[in-house]
């Protein structure tokens, strides 16, 4: 069973990132935060924070791309003072320059991300 799970993981996440949007980069959000996104194939990771010197909140997220949607599990980390967690589903806009939330849990504040 472990071998089957390992093969499924490799099949899902080792497809070259050229087949998907390129979301890697720095994003600004309407919650005032900055998000540092890294995409590896269909996988997406991020670190977000309100203020690097004294953040009220900071969070991490991990998920995957499904078409023009990004499904993420997020959690606040103790660099900030808020400790929440939840699920986010984002939709990418034209040319992968914008993302907006279509579903969110756990009190996540942001809803629109842009990158220069």
Protein backbone atom coordinates (compact mmCIF):
# COMPACT_ATOMS: atom_id res chain seq x y z
CA UNK A 1 0.00 0.00 0.00
CA UNK A 2 2.86 2.41 0.78
CA UNK A 3 4.31 1.78 -2.68
CA UNK A 4 0.98 2.60 -4.31
CA UNK A 5 0.71 5.85 -2.31
CA UNK A 6 4.28 6.79 -3.26
CA UNK A 7 3.59 6.14 -6.95
CA UNK A 8 0.37 8.18 -6.81
CA UNK A 9 2.22 11.05 -5.14
CA UNK A 10 4.92 10.97 -7.82
CA UNK A 11 2.34 10.83 -10.62
CA UNK A 12 0.37 13.78 -9.24
CA UNK A 13 3.16 16.10 -8.21
CA UNK A 14 6.11 15.46 -10.52
CA UNK A 15 4.51 16.72 -13.71
CA UNK A 16 6.61 19.63 -14.99
CA UNK A 17 5.41 23.04 -13.89
CA UNK A 18 5.36 24.18 -17.52
CA UNK A 19 2.00 22.44 -17.83
CA UNK A 20 0.47 24.78 -15.24
CA UNK A 21 0.32 28.45 -14.36
CA UNK A 22 3.48 29.96 -12.90
CA UNK A 23 2.40 31.36 -9.54
CA UNK A 24 5.88 31.61 -7.99
CA UNK A 25 6.59 35.09 -6.74
CA UNK A 26 5.65 37.85 -4.33
CA UNK A 27 1.93 38.64 -4.01
CA UNK A 28 0.11 41.49 -2.25
CA UNK A 29 -3.30 40.88 -0.70
CA UNK A 30 -6.23 43.08 0.28
CA UNK A 31 -5.65 41.99 3.91
CA UNK A 32 -2.49 44.15 3.88
CA UNK A 33 -0.19 41.15 3.82
CA UNK A 34 2.60 40.01 1.56
CA UNK A 35 2.62 36.38 0.41
CA UNK A 36 5.66 34.56 -0.93
CA UNK A 37 4.41 31.78 -3.21
CA UNK A 38 6.38 28.84 -4.58
CA UNK A 39 4.94 26.50 -7.17
CA UNK A 40 6.41 23.08 -7.95
CA UNK A 41 4.37 21.44 -10.67
CA UNK A 42 0.83 21.18 -9.29
CA UNK A 43 1.94 21.87 -5.70
CA UNK A 44 1.73 25.33 -4.15
CA UNK A 45 3.41 26.57 -0.96
CA UNK A 46 3.30 30.00 0.64
CA UNK A 47 4.39 32.09 3.56
CA UNK A 48 2.31 35.19 4.29
CA UNK A 49 2.69 37.93 6.89
CA UNK A 50 1.32 41.35 7.70
CA UNK A 51 4.53 43.07 8.80
CA UNK A 52 7.96 41.38 8.79
CA UNK A 53 9.21 43.29 11.86
CA UNK A 54 6.12 42.90 14.06
CA UNK A 55 3.42 40.80 12.39
CA UNK A 56 -0.05 40.58 13.94
CA UNK A 57 -0.38 37.41 11.88
CA UNK A 58 1.76 35.15 9.74
CA UNK A 59 0.75 31.94 8.01
CA UNK A 60 1.83 29.10 5.81
CA UNK A 61 -0.18 27.18 3.24
CA UNK A 62 0.20 24.08 1.14
CA UNK A 63 -2.01 22.76 -1.60
CA UNK A 64 -2.40 21.92 -5.25
CA UNK A 65 -3.64 23.34 -8.52
CA UNK A 66 -6.76 21.93 -10.15
CA UNK A 67 -7.43 23.75 -13.43
CA UNK A 68 -7.71 27.44 -12.57
CA UNK A 69 -8.37 26.68 -8.88
CA UNK A 70 -5.88 26.35 -6.05
CA UNK A 71 -6.97 24.26 -3.07
CA UNK A 72 -4.95 25.10 0.07
CA UNK A 73 -4.74 24.08 3.70
CA UNK A 74 -3.42 27.08 5.70
CA UNK A 75 -2.33 27.65 9.28
CA UNK A 76 -1.06 30.62 11.26
CA UNK A 77 2.44 30.23 12.71
CA UNK A 78 3.71 31.72 15.98
CA UNK A 79 5.68 34.56 14.39
CA UNK A 80 2.38 36.44 14.76
CA UNK A 81 -0.12 36.43 17.61
CA UNK A 82 -3.14 34.92 15.80
CA UNK A 83 -3.43 31.12 15.77
CA UNK A 84 -6.09 29.95 13.32
CA UNK A 85 -6.24 27.45 10.47
CA UNK A 86 -8.49 26.38 7.66
CA UNK A 87 -9.10 25.72 4.00
CA UNK A 88 -8.85 28.17 1.09
CA UNK A 89 -9.95 27.72 -2.49
CA UNK A 90 -8.63 30.37 -4.85
CA UNK A 91 -9.31 31.04 -8.50
CA UNK A 92 -6.62 32.47 -10.75
CA UNK A 93 -7.34 35.45 -12.98
CA UNK A 94 -6.07 36.30 -16.44
CA UNK A 95 -2.34 35.77 -17.00
CA UNK A 96 -1.94 34.52 -13.40
CA UNK A 97 -1.60 38.14 -12.15
CA UNK A 98 -4.53 37.88 -9.74
CA UNK A 99 -6.09 35.29 -7.45
CA UNK A 100 -9.32 35.60 -5.51
CA UNK A 101 -10.93 33.39 -2.89
CA UNK A 102 -14.04 31.41 -3.72
CA UNK A 103 -14.16 29.53 -0.39
CA UNK A 104 -12.42 30.03 2.96
CA UNK A 105 -12.67 28.77 6.52
CA UNK A 106 -10.97 29.54 9.82
CA UNK A 107 -11.40 33.31 9.73
CA UNK A 108 -8.96 33.96 6.88
CA UNK A 109 -9.14 37.69 6.11
CA UNK A 110 -7.77 38.12 2.60
CA UNK A 111 -9.78 37.62 -0.56
CA UNK A 112 -7.86 39.18 -3.49
CA UNK A 113 -4.14 38.70 -4.30
CA UNK A 114 -2.22 40.64 -6.96
CA UNK A 115 1.35 40.57 -8.15
CA UNK A 116 3.25 43.25 -9.98
